Amino acid sequence: MNTPSVAMHRYAIGGVIAVILLNLLLRSLVRLGGPLTTLLVAFIVAAAMALCFAWRTRRAPSPGERRRLVGLYGGMLGLLYLGLLALMELKDAPGAMGLLIFALHYLCYPLFAQLLFSERFFKRFD
């Protein structure tokens, strides 16, 4: 089956913008924090990207599209997280446990994107 190419970079950029805005909203205005907020934001953004993809294309993403999305989304967020880590290093170097928690917060985003862009999730829309 020949499927048209989808610009996955648009989904990735939209996802990164949504992550930034939701984190600002929940952490500053609503005053929620911690790993629960990270999990909530990661799930909401990944689900919104998957639902938008399903609505627009009416099909499951190909494995190449899934890899491209998770790579772009995770890469862009990874660069932002590295910048945040550099700012943390300037103020006060985090210990080993702080780095582990920081890495786990980051890994939630590409993990949820990978899970929610799976064929198993998209079978619900058939």
PDB file of N, CA and C in Angstrom:
ATOM      1  N   MET A   1       0.844  -1.172   0.000  1.00  0.00           N
ATOM      2  CA  MET A   1       0.000   0.000   0.000  1.00  0.00           C
ATOM      3  C   MET A   1       0.894   1.241   0.000  1.00  0.00           C
ATOM      4  N   ASN A   2       0.684   2.111  -0.931  1.00  0.00           N
ATOM      5  CA  ASN A   2       1.468   3.324  -1.043  1.00  0.00           C
ATOM      6  C   ASN A   2       0.755   4.452  -0.307  1.00  0.00           C
ATOM      7  N   THR A   3       1.321   4.880   0.807  1.00  0.00           N
ATOM      8  CA  THR A   3       0.703   5.946   1.598  1.00  0.00           C
ATOM      9  C   THR A   3       1.448   7.249   1.364  1.00  0.00           C
ATOM     10  N   PRO A   4       0.732   8.369   1.346  1.00  0.00           N
ATOM     11  CA  PRO A   4       1.406   9.653   1.140  1.00  0.00           C
ATOM     12  C   PRO A   4       2.299   9.990   2.334  1.00  0.00           C
ATOM     13  N   SER A   5       3.373  10.692   2.052  1.00  0.00           N
ATOM     14  CA  SER A   5       4.310  11.095   3.086  1.00  0.00           C
ATOM     15  C   SER A   5       3.683  12.177   3.964  1.00  0.00           C
ATOM     16  N   VAL A   6       3.878  12.045   5.246  1.00  0.00           N
ATOM     17  CA  VAL A   6       3.341  13.006   6.206  1.00  0.00           C
ATOM     18  C   VAL A   6       4.516  13.767   6.811  1.00  0.00           C
ATOM     19  N   ALA A   7       4.369  15.061   6.940  1.00  0.00           N
ATOM     20  CA  ALA A   7       5.434  15.898   7.515  1.00  0.00           C
ATOM     21  C   ALA A   7       5.447  15.721   9.030  1.00  0.00           C
ATOM     22  N   MET A   8       6.212  14.748   9.491  1.00  0.00           N
ATOM     23  CA  MET A   8       6.246  14.437  10.917  1.00  0.00           C
ATOM     24  C   MET A   8       6.930  15.541  11.724  1.00  0.00           C
ATOM     25  N   HIS A   9       7.751  16.354  11.062  1.00  0.00           N
ATOM     26  CA  HIS A   9       8.400  17.436  11.802  1.00  0.00           C
ATOM     27  C   HIS A   9       7.370  18.442  12.320  1.00  0.00           C
ATOM     28  N   ARG A  10       6.248  18.575  11.624  1.00  0.00           N
ATOM     29  CA  ARG A  10       5.208  19.491  12.112  1.00  0.00           C
ATOM     30  C   ARG A  10       4.575  18.969  13.403  1.00  0.00           C
ATOM     31  N   TYR A  11       4.355  17.661  13.471  1.00  0.00           N
ATOM     32  CA  TYR A  11       3.820  17.071  14.704  1.00  0.00           C
ATOM     33  C   TYR A  11       4.830  17.221  15.841  1.00  0.00           C
ATOM     34  N   ALA A  12       6.113  17.008  15.540  1.00  0.00           N
ATOM     35  CA  ALA A  12       7.151  17.101  16.563  1.00  0.00           C
ATOM     36  C   ALA A  12       7.276  18.534  17.084  1.00  0.00           C
ATOM     37  N   ILE A  13       7.285  19.504  16.174  1.00  0.00           N
ATOM     38  CA  ILE A  13       7.392  20.906  16.601  1.00  0.00           C
ATOM     39  C   ILE A  13       6.156  21.313  17.401  1.00  0.00           C
ATOM     40  N   GLY A  14       4.987  20.917  16.935  1.00  0.00           N
ATOM     41  CA  GLY A  14       3.759  21.204  17.686  1.00  0.00           C
ATOM     42  C   GLY A  14       3.772  20.554  19.058  1.00  0.00           C
ATOM     43  N   GLY A  15       4.285  19.336  19.135  1.00  0.00           N
ATOM     44  CA  GLY A  15       4.387  18.637  20.420  1.00  0.00           C
ATOM     45  C   GLY A  15       5.324  19.349  21.378  1.00  0.00           C
ATOM     46  N   VAL A  16       6.460  19.808  20.881  1.00  0.00           N
ATOM     47  CA  VAL A  16       7.419  20.520  21.737  1.00  0.00           C
ATOM     48  C   VAL A  16       6.809  21.825  22.247  1.00  0.00           C
ATOM     49  N   ILE A  17       6.137  22.544  21.372  1.00  0.00           N
ATOM     50  CA  ILE A  17       5.480  23.792  21.793  1.00  0.00           C
ATOM     51  C   ILE A  17       4.410  23.497  22.842  1.00  0.00           C
ATOM     52  N   ALA A  18       3.638  22.427  22.629  1.00  0.00           N
ATOM     53  CA  ALA A  18       2.607  22.056  23.601  1.00  0.00           C
ATOM     54  C   ALA A  18       3.225  21.657  24.942  1.00  0.00           C
ATOM     55  N   VAL A  19       4.346  20.950  24.915  1.00  0.00           N
ATOM     56  CA  VAL A  19       5.029  20.566  26.157  1.00  0.00           C
ATOM     57  C   VAL A  19       5.455  21.809  26.932  1.00  0.00           C
ATOM     58  N   ILE A  20       6.043  22.767  26.235  1.00  0.00           N
ATOM     59  CA  ILE A  20       6.503  23.988  26.889  1.00  0.00           C
ATOM     60  C   ILE A  20       5.320  24.746  27.498  1.00  0.00           C
ATOM     61  N   LEU A  21       4.261  24.919  26.705  1.00  0.00           N
ATOM     62  CA  LEU A  21       3.106  25.678  27.194  1.00  0.00           C
ATOM     63  C   LEU A  21       2.393  24.980  28.348  1.00  0.00           C
ATOM     64  N   LEU A  22       2.187  23.670  28.227  1.00  0.00           N
ATOM     65  CA  LEU A  22       1.512  22.943  29.317  1.00  0.00           C
ATOM     66  C   LEU A  22       2.347  22.940  30.590  1.00  0.00           C
ATOM     67  N   ASN A  23       3.656  22.775  30.450  1.00  0.00           N
ATOM     68  CA  ASN A  23       4.514  22.816  31.635  1.00  0.00           C
ATOM     69  C   ASN A  23       4.474  24.187  32.292  1.00  0.00           C
ATOM     70  N   LEU A  24       4.524  25.247  31.487  1.00  0.00           N
ATOM     71  CA  LEU A  24       4.429  26.588  32.062  1.00  0.00           C
ATOM     72  C   LEU A  24       3.093  26.794  32.759  1.00  0.00           C
ATOM     73  N   LEU A  25       2.026  26.368  32.112  1.00  0.00           N
ATOM     74  CA  LEU A  25       0.697  26.531  32.678  1.00  0.00           C
ATOM     75  C   LEU A  25       0.546  25.764  33.986  1.00  0.00           C
ATOM     76  N   LEU A  26       0.893  24.475  33.970  1.00  0.00           N
ATOM     77  CA  LEU A  26       0.671  23.648  35.156  1.00  0.00           C
ATOM     78  C   LEU A  26       1.652  23.955  36.284  1.00  0.00           C
ATOM     79  N   ARG A  27       2.890  24.232  35.938  1.00  0.00           N
ATOM     80  CA  ARG A  27       3.894  24.438  36.987  1.00  0.00           C
ATOM     81  C   ARG A  27       3.881  25.855  37.551  1.00  0.00           C
ATOM     82  N   SER A  28       3.548  26.867  36.736  1.00  0.00           N
ATOM     83  CA  SER A  28       3.571  28.242  37.251  1.00  0.00           C
ATOM     84  C   SER A  28       2.205  28.715  37.713  1.00  0.00           C
ATOM     85  N   LEU A  29       1.221  28.576  36.855  1.00  0.00           N
ATOM     86  CA  LEU A  29      -0.087  29.129  37.197  1.00  0.00           C
ATOM     87  C   LEU A  29      -0.876  28.232  38.138  1.00  0.00           C
ATOM     88  N   VAL A  30      -0.893  26.933  37.869  1.00  0.00           N
ATOM     89  CA  VAL A  30      -1.681  26.013  38.694  1.00  0.00           C
ATOM     90  C   VAL A  30      -0.878  25.516  39.892  1.00  0.00           C
ATOM     91  N   ARG A  31       0.436  25.662  39.839  1.00  0.00           N
ATOM     92  CA  ARG A  31       1.352  25.271  40.918  1.00  0.00           C
ATOM     93  C   ARG A  31       1.386  23.759  41.150  1.00  0.00           C
ATOM     94  N   LEU A  32       1.290  22.990  40.082  1.00  0.00           N
ATOM     95  CA  LEU A  32       1.513  21.550  40.178  1.00  0.00           C
ATOM     96  C   LEU A  32       2.968  21.291  39.837  1.00  0.00           C
ATOM     97  N   GLY A  33       3.526  20.273  40.394  1.00  0.00           N
ATOM     98  CA  GLY A  33       4.924  19.977  40.106  1.00  0.00           C
ATOM     99  C   GLY A  33       5.223  18.510  40.290  1.00  0.00           C
ATOM    100  N   GLY A  34       6.457  18.162  40.080  1.00  0.00           N
ATOM    101  CA  GLY A  34       6.916  16.804  40.319  1.00  0.00           C
ATOM    102  C   GLY A  34       6.676  15.865  39.163  1.00  0.00           C
ATOM    103  N   PRO A  35       6.919  14.590  39.427  1.00  0.00           N
ATOM    104  CA  PRO A  35       6.814  13.588  38.367  1.00  0.00           C
ATOM    105  C   PRO A  35       5.389  13.385  37.859  1.00  0.00           C
ATOM    106  N   LEU A  36       4.402  13.598  38.698  1.00  0.00           N
ATOM    107  CA  LEU A  36       3.022  13.434  38.252  1.00  0.00           C
ATOM    108  C   LEU A  36       2.688  14.432  37.148  1.00  0.00           C
ATOM    109  N   THR A  37       3.152  15.663  37.286  1.00  0.00           N
ATOM    110  CA  THR A  37       2.918  16.670  36.257  1.00  0.00           C
ATOM    111  C   THR A  37       3.651  16.303  34.972  1.00  0.00           C
ATOM    112  N   THR A  38       4.863  15.808  35.089  1.00  0.00           N
ATOM    113  CA  THR A  38       5.620  15.382  33.912  1.00  0.00           C
ATOM    114  C   THR A  38       4.886  14.262  33.192  1.00  0.00           C
ATOM    115  N   LEU A  39       4.416  13.280  33.937  1.00  0.00           N
ATOM    116  CA  LEU A  39       3.678  12.166  33.325  1.00  0.00           C
ATOM    117  C   LEU A  39       2.397  12.658  32.665  1.00  0.00           C
ATOM    118  N   LEU A  40       1.698  13.558  33.324  1.00  0.00           N
ATOM    119  CA  LEU A  40       0.449  14.099  32.785  1.00  0.00           C
ATOM    120  C   LEU A  40       0.700  14.867  31.486  1.00  0.00           C
ATOM    121  N   VAL A  41       1.675  15.741  31.487  1.00  0.00           N
ATOM    122  CA  VAL A  41       1.985  16.527  30.284  1.00  0.00           C
ATOM    123  C   VAL A  41       2.458  15.610  29.160  1.00  0.00           C
ATOM    124  N   ALA A  42       3.333  14.667  29.471  1.00  0.00           N
ATOM    125  CA  ALA A  42       3.850  13.757  28.443  1.00  0.00           C
ATOM    126  C   ALA A  42       2.720  12.942  27.823  1.00  0.00           C
ATOM    127  N   PHE A  43       1.792  12.467  28.645  1.00  0.00           N
ATOM    128  CA  PHE A  43       0.674  11.682  28.132  1.00  0.00           C
ATOM    129  C   PHE A  43      -0.275  12.541  27.297  1.00  0.00           C
ATOM    130  N   ILE A  44      -0.627  13.708  27.799  1.00  0.00           N
ATOM    131  CA  ILE A  44      -1.569  14.579  27.085  1.00  0.00           C
ATOM    132  C   ILE A  44      -1.018  14.983  25.727  1.00  0.00           C
ATOM    133  N   VAL A  45       0.239  15.369  25.676  1.00  0.00           N
ATOM    134  CA  VAL A  45       0.827  15.814  24.408  1.00  0.00           C
ATOM    135  C   VAL A  45       0.957  14.657  23.430  1.00  0.00           C
ATOM    136  N   ALA A  46       1.420  13.505  23.897  1.00  0.00           N
ATOM    137  CA  ALA A  46       1.551  12.352  22.999  1.00  0.00           C
ATOM    138  C   ALA A  46       0.177  11.898  22.494  1.00  0.00           C
ATOM    139  N   ALA A  47      -0.818  11.903  23.367  1.00  0.00           N
ATOM    140  CA  ALA A  47      -2.165  11.514  22.952  1.00  0.00           C
ATOM    141  C   ALA A  47      -2.734  12.521  21.956  1.00  0.00           C
ATOM    142  N   ALA A  48      -2.495  13.794  22.181  1.00  0.00           N
ATOM    143  CA  ALA A  48      -2.992  14.816  21.254  1.00  0.00           C
ATOM    144  C   ALA A  48      -2.324  14.675  19.886  1.00  0.00           C
ATOM    145  N   MET A  49      -1.027  14.412  19.866  1.00  0.00           N
ATOM    146  CA  MET A  49      -0.342  14.210  18.584  1.00  0.00           C
ATOM    147  C   MET A  49      -0.878  12.983  17.863  1.00  0.00           C
ATOM    148  N   ALA A  50      -1.090  11.889  18.605  1.00  0.00           N
ATOM    149  CA  ALA A  50      -1.593  10.664  17.996  1.00  0.00           C
ATOM    150  C   ALA A  50      -3.022  10.839  17.483  1.00  0.00           C
ATOM    151  N   LEU A  51      -3.867  11.487  18.272  1.00  0.00           N
ATOM    152  CA  LEU A  51      -5.241  11.718  17.838  1.00  0.00           C
ATOM    153  C   LEU A  51      -5.304  12.635  16.630  1.00  0.00           C
ATOM    154  N   CYS A  52      -4.463  13.652  16.616  1.00  0.00           N
ATOM    155  CA  CYS A  52      -4.415  14.561  15.470  1.00  0.00           C
ATOM    156  C   CYS A  52      -3.941  13.811  14.218  1.00  0.00           C
ATOM    157  N   PHE A  53      -2.945  12.964  14.369  1.00  0.00           N
ATOM    158  CA  PHE A  53      -2.456  12.172  13.242  1.00  0.00           C
ATOM    159  C   PHE A  53      -3.554  11.239  12.741  1.00  0.00           C
ATOM    160  N   ALA A  54      -4.248  10.571  13.650  1.00  0.00           N
ATOM    161  CA  ALA A  54      -5.318   9.639  13.261  1.00  0.00           C
ATOM    162  C   ALA A  54      -6.461  10.381  12.579  1.00  0.00           C
ATOM    163  N   TRP A  55      -6.796  11.535  13.080  1.00  0.00           N
ATOM    164  CA  TRP A  55      -7.892  12.312  12.505  1.00  0.00           C
ATOM    165  C   TRP A  55      -7.544  12.810  11.106  1.00  0.00           C
ATOM    166  N   ARG A  56      -6.313  13.270  10.929  1.00  0.00           N
ATOM    167  CA  ARG A  56      -5.918  13.842   9.635  1.00  0.00           C
ATOM    168  C   ARG A  56      -5.618  12.798   8.575  1.00  0.00           C
ATOM    169  N   THR A  57      -4.982  11.695   8.948  1.00  0.00           N
ATOM    170  CA  THR A  57      -4.556  10.718   7.940  1.00  0.00           C
ATOM    171  C   THR A  57      -5.476   9.513   7.841  1.00  0.00           C
ATOM    172  N   ARG A  58      -6.263   9.266   8.870  1.00  0.00           N
ATOM    173  CA  ARG A  58      -7.180   8.120   8.912  1.00  0.00           C
ATOM    174  C   ARG A  58      -6.455   6.780   8.759  1.00  0.00           C
ATOM    175  N   ARG A  59      -5.259   6.704   9.330  1.00  0.00           N
ATOM    176  CA  ARG A  59      -4.482   5.466   9.280  1.00  0.00           C
ATOM    177  C   ARG A  59      -3.453   5.481  10.403  1.00  0.00           C
ATOM    178  N   ALA A  60      -2.871   4.325  10.634  1.00  0.00           N
ATOM    179  CA  ALA A  60      -1.785   4.226  11.610  1.00  0.00           C
ATOM    180  C   ALA A  60      -0.486   4.697  10.959  1.00  0.00           C
ATOM    181  N   PRO A  61       0.420   5.238  11.742  1.00  0.00           N
ATOM    182  CA  PRO A  61       1.695   5.662  11.155  1.00  0.00           C
ATOM    183  C   PRO A  61       2.539   4.451  10.768  1.00  0.00           C
ATOM    184  N   SER A  62       3.324   4.613   9.738  1.00  0.00           N
ATOM    185  CA  SER A  62       4.247   3.546   9.349  1.00  0.00           C
ATOM    186  C   SER A  62       5.383   3.507  10.368  1.00  0.00           C
ATOM    187  N   PRO A  63       6.123   2.409  10.426  1.00  0.00           N
ATOM    188  CA  PRO A  63       7.256   2.365  11.364  1.00  0.00           C
ATOM    189  C   PRO A  63       8.269   3.490  11.126  1.00  0.00           C
ATOM    190  N   GLY A  64       8.498   3.854   9.864  1.00  0.00           N
ATOM    191  CA  GLY A  64       9.415   4.953   9.567  1.00  0.00           C
ATOM    192  C   GLY A  64       8.894   6.284  10.079  1.00  0.00           C
ATOM    193  N   GLU A  65       7.599   6.519   9.920  1.00  0.00           N
ATOM    194  CA  GLU A  65       7.003   7.758  10.427  1.00  0.00           C
ATOM    195  C   GLU A  65       7.085   7.808  11.947  1.00  0.00           C
ATOM    196  N   ARG A  66       6.849   6.676  12.586  1.00  0.00           N
ATOM    197  CA  ARG A  66       6.915   6.613  14.053  1.00  0.00           C
ATOM    198  C   ARG A  66       8.336   6.912  14.526  1.00  0.00           C
ATOM    199  N   ARG A  67       9.325   6.286  13.891  1.00  0.00           N
ATOM    200  CA  ARG A  67      10.721   6.533  14.265  1.00  0.00           C
ATOM    201  C   ARG A  67      11.103   7.995  14.046  1.00  0.00           C
ATOM    202  N   ARG A  68      10.669   8.550  12.925  1.00  0.00           N
ATOM    203  CA  ARG A  68      10.994   9.939  12.611  1.00  0.00           C
ATOM    204  C   ARG A  68      10.372  10.880  13.643  1.00  0.00           C
ATOM    205  N   LEU A  69       9.098  10.639  13.988  1.00  0.00           N
ATOM    206  CA  LEU A  69       8.441  11.499  14.973  1.00  0.00           C
ATOM    207  C   LEU A  69       9.123  11.400  16.324  1.00  0.00           C
ATOM    208  N   VAL A  70       9.339  10.194  16.804  1.00  0.00           N
ATOM    209  CA  VAL A  70       9.939  10.029  18.135  1.00  0.00           C
ATOM    210  C   VAL A  70      11.363  10.590  18.144  1.00  0.00           C
ATOM    211  N   GLY A  71      12.101  10.400  17.057  1.00  0.00           N
ATOM    212  CA  GLY A  71      13.457  10.945  16.983  1.00  0.00           C
ATOM    213  C   GLY A  71      13.482  12.466  16.993  1.00  0.00           C
ATOM    214  N   LEU A  72      12.620  13.078  16.178  1.00  0.00           N
ATOM    215  CA  LEU A  72      12.570  14.548  16.136  1.00  0.00           C
ATOM    216  C   LEU A  72      12.053  15.132  17.445  1.00  0.00           C
ATOM    217  N   TYR A  73      10.970  14.580  17.932  1.00  0.00           N
ATOM    218  CA  TYR A  73      10.347  15.057  19.176  1.00  0.00           C
ATOM    219  C   TYR A  73      11.306  14.875  20.348  1.00  0.00           C
ATOM    220  N   GLY A  74      11.853  13.680  20.468  1.00  0.00           N
ATOM    221  CA  GLY A  74      12.798  13.414  21.551  1.00  0.00           C
ATOM    222  C   GLY A  74      14.076  14.221  21.413  1.00  0.00           C
ATOM    223  N   GLY A  75      14.540  14.414  20.181  1.00  0.00           N
ATOM    224  CA  GLY A  75      15.755  15.186  19.958  1.00  0.00           C
ATOM    225  C   GLY A  75      15.585  16.655  20.313  1.00  0.00           C
ATOM    226  N   MET A  76      14.472  17.240  19.871  1.00  0.00           N
ATOM    227  CA  MET A  76      14.233  18.654  20.191  1.00  0.00           C
ATOM    228  C   MET A  76      14.071  18.848  21.697  1.00  0.00           C
ATOM    229  N   LEU A  77      13.312  17.963  22.329  1.00  0.00           N
ATOM    230  CA  LEU A  77      13.164  18.076  23.787  1.00  0.00           C
ATOM    231  C   LEU A  77      14.489  17.799  24.490  1.00  0.00           C
ATOM    232  N   GLY A  78      15.273  16.891  23.935  1.00  0.00           N
ATOM    233  CA  GLY A  78      16.585  16.598  24.505  1.00  0.00           C
ATOM    234  C   GLY A  78      17.490  17.818  24.489  1.00  0.00           C
ATOM    235  N   LEU A  79      17.456  18.577  23.383  1.00  0.00           N
ATOM    236  CA  LEU A  79      18.253  19.805  23.325  1.00  0.00           C
ATOM    237  C   LEU A  79      17.779  20.821  24.363  1.00  0.00           C
ATOM    238  N   LEU A  80      16.466  20.934  24.515  1.00  0.00           N
ATOM    239  CA  LEU A  80      15.942  21.851  25.530  1.00  0.00           C
ATOM    240  C   LEU A  80      16.333  21.401  26.939  1.00  0.00           C
ATOM    241  N   TYR A  81      16.280  20.102  27.178  1.00  0.00           N
ATOM    242  CA  TYR A  81      16.665  19.573  28.484  1.00  0.00           C
ATOM    243  C   TYR A  81      18.164  19.761  28.734  1.00  0.00           C
ATOM    244  N   LEU A  82      18.986  19.627  27.684  1.00  0.00           N
ATOM    245  CA  LEU A  82      20.420  19.876  27.861  1.00  0.00           C
ATOM    246  C   LEU A  82      20.684  21.337  28.210  1.00  0.00           C
ATOM    247  N   GLY A  83      19.940  22.244  27.593  1.00  0.00           N
ATOM    248  CA  GLY A  83      20.057  23.659  27.944  1.00  0.00           C
ATOM    249  C   GLY A  83      19.649  23.912  29.383  1.00  0.00           C
ATOM    250  N   LEU A  84      18.572  23.260  29.801  1.00  0.00           N
ATOM    251  CA  LEU A  84      18.127  23.397  31.191  1.00  0.00           C
ATOM    252  C   LEU A  84      19.165  22.814  32.151  1.00  0.00           C
ATOM    253  N   LEU A  85      19.774  21.701  31.762  1.00  0.00           N
ATOM    254  CA  LEU A  85      20.820  21.098  32.589  1.00  0.00           C
ATOM    255  C   LEU A  85      22.027  22.024  32.692  1.00  0.00           C
ATOM    256  N   ALA A  86      22.382  22.688  31.585  1.00  0.00           N
ATOM    257  CA  ALA A  86      23.496  23.639  31.617  1.00  0.00           C
ATOM    258  C   ALA A  86      23.192  24.791  32.568  1.00  0.00           C
ATOM    259  N   LEU A  87      21.947  25.266  32.560  1.00  0.00           N
ATOM    260  CA  LEU A  87      21.572  26.325  33.499  1.00  0.00           C
ATOM    261  C   LEU A  87      21.628  25.828  34.937  1.00  0.00           C
ATOM    262  N   MET A  88      21.230  24.580  35.154  1.00  0.00           N
ATOM    263  CA  MET A  88      21.310  24.011  36.500  1.00  0.00           C
ATOM    264  C   MET A  88      22.766  23.893  36.950  1.00  0.00           C
ATOM    265  N   GLU A  89      23.650  23.528  36.029  1.00  0.00           N
ATOM    266  CA  GLU A  89      25.074  23.402  36.355  1.00  0.00           C
ATOM    267  C   GLU A  89      25.674  24.757  36.742  1.00  0.00           C
ATOM    268  N   LEU A  90      25.230  25.820  36.083  1.00  0.00           N
ATOM    269  CA  LEU A  90      25.738  27.147  36.413  1.00  0.00           C
ATOM    270  C   LEU A  90      25.350  27.566  37.822  1.00  0.00           C
ATOM    271  N   LYS A  91      24.140  27.194  38.216  1.00  0.00           N
ATOM    272  CA  LYS A  91      23.666  27.588  39.547  1.00  0.00           C
ATOM    273  C   LYS A  91      24.277  26.689  40.619  1.00  0.00           C
ATOM    274  N   ASP A  92      24.065  25.393  40.475  1.00  0.00           N
ATOM    275  CA  ASP A  92      24.580  24.432  41.449  1.00  0.00           C
ATOM    276  C   ASP A  92      24.546  23.063  40.792  1.00  0.00           C
ATOM    277  N   ALA A  93      25.649  22.396  40.737  1.00  0.00           N
ATOM    278  CA  ALA A  93      25.731  21.102  40.058  1.00  0.00           C
ATOM    279  C   ALA A  93      24.860  20.075  40.774  1.00  0.00           C
ATOM    280  N   PRO A  94      23.934  19.432  40.029  1.00  0.00           N
ATOM    281  CA  PRO A  94      23.109  18.402  40.655  1.00  0.00           C
ATOM    282  C   PRO A  94      23.925  17.134  40.888  1.00  0.00           C
ATOM    283  N   GLY A  95      23.562  16.390  41.906  1.00  0.00           N
ATOM    284  CA  GLY A  95      24.242  15.141  42.202  1.00  0.00           C
ATOM    285  C   GLY A  95      23.778  14.035  41.263  1.00  0.00           C
ATOM    286  N   ALA A  96      24.254  12.846  41.536  1.00  0.00           N
ATOM    287  CA  ALA A  96      23.917  11.690  40.697  1.00  0.00           C
ATOM    288  C   ALA A  96      22.409  11.412  40.720  1.00  0.00           C
ATOM    289  N   MET A  97      21.795  11.503  41.887  1.00  0.00           N
ATOM    290  CA  MET A  97      20.358  11.252  41.987  1.00  0.00           C
ATOM    291  C   MET A  97      19.572  12.346  41.265  1.00  0.00           C
ATOM    292  N   GLY A  98      20.025  13.565  41.339  1.00  0.00           N
ATOM    293  CA  GLY A  98      19.374  14.665  40.622  1.00  0.00           C
ATOM    294  C   GLY A  98      19.437  14.462  39.120  1.00  0.00           C
ATOM    295  N   LEU A  99      20.578  13.999  38.625  1.00  0.00           N
ATOM    296  CA  LEU A  99      20.718  13.716  37.197  1.00  0.00           C
ATOM    297  C   LEU A  99      19.815  12.561  36.774  1.00  0.00           C
ATOM    298  N   LEU A 100      19.692  11.549  37.625  1.00  0.00           N
ATOM    299  CA  LEU A 100      18.819  10.414  37.318  1.00  0.00           C
ATOM    300  C   LEU A 100      17.361  10.865  37.236  1.00  0.00           C
ATOM    301  N   ILE A 101      16.930  11.648  38.199  1.00  0.00           N
ATOM    302  CA  ILE A 101      15.552  12.151  38.192  1.00  0.00           C
ATOM    303  C   ILE A 101      15.324  13.045  36.977  1.00  0.00           C
ATOM    304  N   PHE A 102      16.297  13.879  36.654  1.00  0.00           N
ATOM    305  CA  PHE A 102      16.217  14.756  35.492  1.00  0.00           C
ATOM    306  C   PHE A 102      16.074  13.923  34.211  1.00  0.00           C
ATOM    307  N   ALA A 103      16.876  12.872  34.083  1.00  0.00           N
ATOM    308  CA  ALA A 103      16.815  12.001  32.902  1.00  0.00           C
ATOM    309  C   ALA A 103      15.473  11.276  32.821  1.00  0.00           C
ATOM    310  N   LEU A 104      14.953  10.836  33.952  1.00  0.00           N
ATOM    311  CA  LEU A 104      13.652  10.152  33.952  1.00  0.00           C
ATOM    312  C   LEU A 104      12.527  11.095  33.543  1.00  0.00           C
ATOM    313  N   HIS A 105      12.613  12.349  33.982  1.00  0.00           N
ATOM    314  CA  HIS A 105      11.614  13.332  33.558  1.00  0.00           C
ATOM    315  C   HIS A 105      11.649  13.488  32.040  1.00  0.00           C
ATOM    316  N   TYR A 106      12.847  13.587  31.472  1.00  0.00           N
ATOM    317  CA  TYR A 106      12.968  13.730  30.018  1.00  0.00           C
ATOM    318  C   TYR A 106      12.454  12.492  29.283  1.00  0.00           C
ATOM    319  N   LEU A 107      12.827  11.310  29.751  1.00  0.00           N
ATOM    320  CA  LEU A 107      12.494  10.075  29.033  1.00  0.00           C
ATOM    321  C   LEU A 107      10.997   9.793  28.968  1.00  0.00           C
ATOM    322  N   CYS A 108      10.209  10.407  29.841  1.00  0.00           N
ATOM    323  CA  CYS A 108       8.755  10.223  29.790  1.00  0.00           C
ATOM    324  C   CYS A 108       8.184  10.689  28.451  1.00  0.00           C
ATOM    325  N   TYR A 109       8.723  11.765  27.895  1.00  0.00           N
ATOM    326  CA  TYR A 109       8.159  12.347  26.681  1.00  0.00           C
ATOM    327  C   TYR A 109       8.333  11.445  25.454  1.00  0.00           C
ATOM    328  N   PRO A 110       9.550  11.014  25.114  1.00  0.00           N
ATOM    329  CA  PRO A 110       9.660  10.126  23.950  1.00  0.00           C
ATOM    330  C   PRO A 110       9.020   8.755  24.198  1.00  0.00           C
ATOM    331  N   LEU A 111       9.016   8.301  25.455  1.00  0.00           N
ATOM    332  CA  LEU A 111       8.398   7.006  25.751  1.00  0.00           C
ATOM    333  C   LEU A 111       6.902   7.033  25.477  1.00  0.00           C
ATOM    334  N   PHE A 112       6.212   8.057  25.964  1.00  0.00           N
ATOM    335  CA  PHE A 112       4.773   8.152  25.697  1.00  0.00           C
ATOM    336  C   PHE A 112       4.489   8.345  24.216  1.00  0.00           C
ATOM    337  N   ALA A 113       5.340   9.103  23.524  1.00  0.00           N
ATOM    338  CA  ALA A 113       5.153   9.268  22.078  1.00  0.00           C
ATOM    339  C   ALA A 113       5.300   7.923  21.370  1.00  0.00           C
ATOM    340  N   GLN A 114       6.291   7.137  21.764  1.00  0.00           N
ATOM    341  CA  GLN A 114       6.486   5.814  21.164  1.00  0.00           C
ATOM    342  C   GLN A 114       5.291   4.904  21.456  1.00  0.00           C
ATOM    343  N   LEU A 115       4.809   4.931  22.677  1.00  0.00           N
ATOM    344  CA  LEU A 115       3.683   4.067  23.053  1.00  0.00           C
ATOM    345  C   LEU A 115       2.388   4.469  22.355  1.00  0.00           C
ATOM    346  N   LEU A 116       2.112   5.753  22.287  1.00  0.00           N
ATOM    347  CA  LEU A 116       0.839   6.196  21.730  1.00  0.00           C
ATOM    348  C   LEU A 116       0.848   6.279  20.207  1.00  0.00           C
ATOM    349  N   PHE A 117       2.004   6.161  19.583  1.00  0.00           N
ATOM    350  CA  PHE A 117       2.060   6.085  18.129  1.00  0.00           C
ATOM    351  C   PHE A 117       2.242   4.644  17.678  1.00  0.00           C
ATOM    352  N   SER A 118       1.948   3.696  18.552  1.00  0.00           N
ATOM    353  CA  SER A 118       2.072   2.291  18.183  1.00  0.00           C
ATOM    354  C   SER A 118       0.828   1.828  17.432  1.00  0.00           C
ATOM    355  N   GLU A 119       0.964   0.748  16.697  1.00  0.00           N
ATOM    356  CA  GLU A 119      -0.186   0.205  15.957  1.00  0.00           C
ATOM    357  C   GLU A 119      -1.273  -0.268  16.912  1.00  0.00           C
ATOM    358  N   ARG A 120      -0.871  -0.705  18.066  1.00  0.00           N
ATOM    359  CA  ARG A 120      -1.829  -1.182  19.067  1.00  0.00           C
ATOM    360  C   ARG A 120      -2.805  -0.064  19.458  1.00  0.00           C
ATOM    361  N   PHE A 121      -2.283   1.149  19.614  1.00  0.00           N
ATOM    362  CA  PHE A 121      -3.129   2.294  19.949  1.00  0.00           C
ATOM    363  C   PHE A 121      -4.032   2.651  18.779  1.00  0.00           C
ATOM    364  N   PHE A 122      -3.505   2.607  17.571  1.00  0.00           N
ATOM    365  CA  PHE A 122      -4.258   3.020  16.403  1.00  0.00           C
ATOM    366  C   PHE A 122      -5.301   1.985  15.971  1.00  0.00           C
ATOM    367  N   LYS A 123      -5.200   0.750  16.445  1.00  0.00           N
ATOM    368  CA  LYS A 123      -6.224  -0.258  16.138  1.00  0.00           C
ATOM    369  C   LYS A 123      -7.580   0.131  16.714  1.00  0.00           C
ATOM    370  N   ARG A 124      -7.568   0.949  17.734  1.00  0.00           N
ATOM    371  CA  ARG A 124      -8.831   1.389  18.349  1.00  0.00           C
ATOM    372  C   ARG A 124      -9.635   2.286  17.438  1.00  0.00           C
ATOM    373  N   PHE A 125      -8.998   2.855  16.419  1.00  0.00           N
ATOM    374  CA  PHE A 125      -9.677   3.772  15.513  1.00  0.00           C
ATOM    375  C   PHE A 125     -10.189   3.106  14.248  1.00  0.00           C
ATOM    376  N   ASP A 126      -9.918   1.829  14.063  1.00  0.00           N
ATOM    377  CA  ASP A 126     -10.377   1.127  12.850  1.00  0.00           C
ATOM    378  C   ASP A 126     -11.848   0.817  12.886  1.00  0.00           C
TER     379      ASP A 126
END
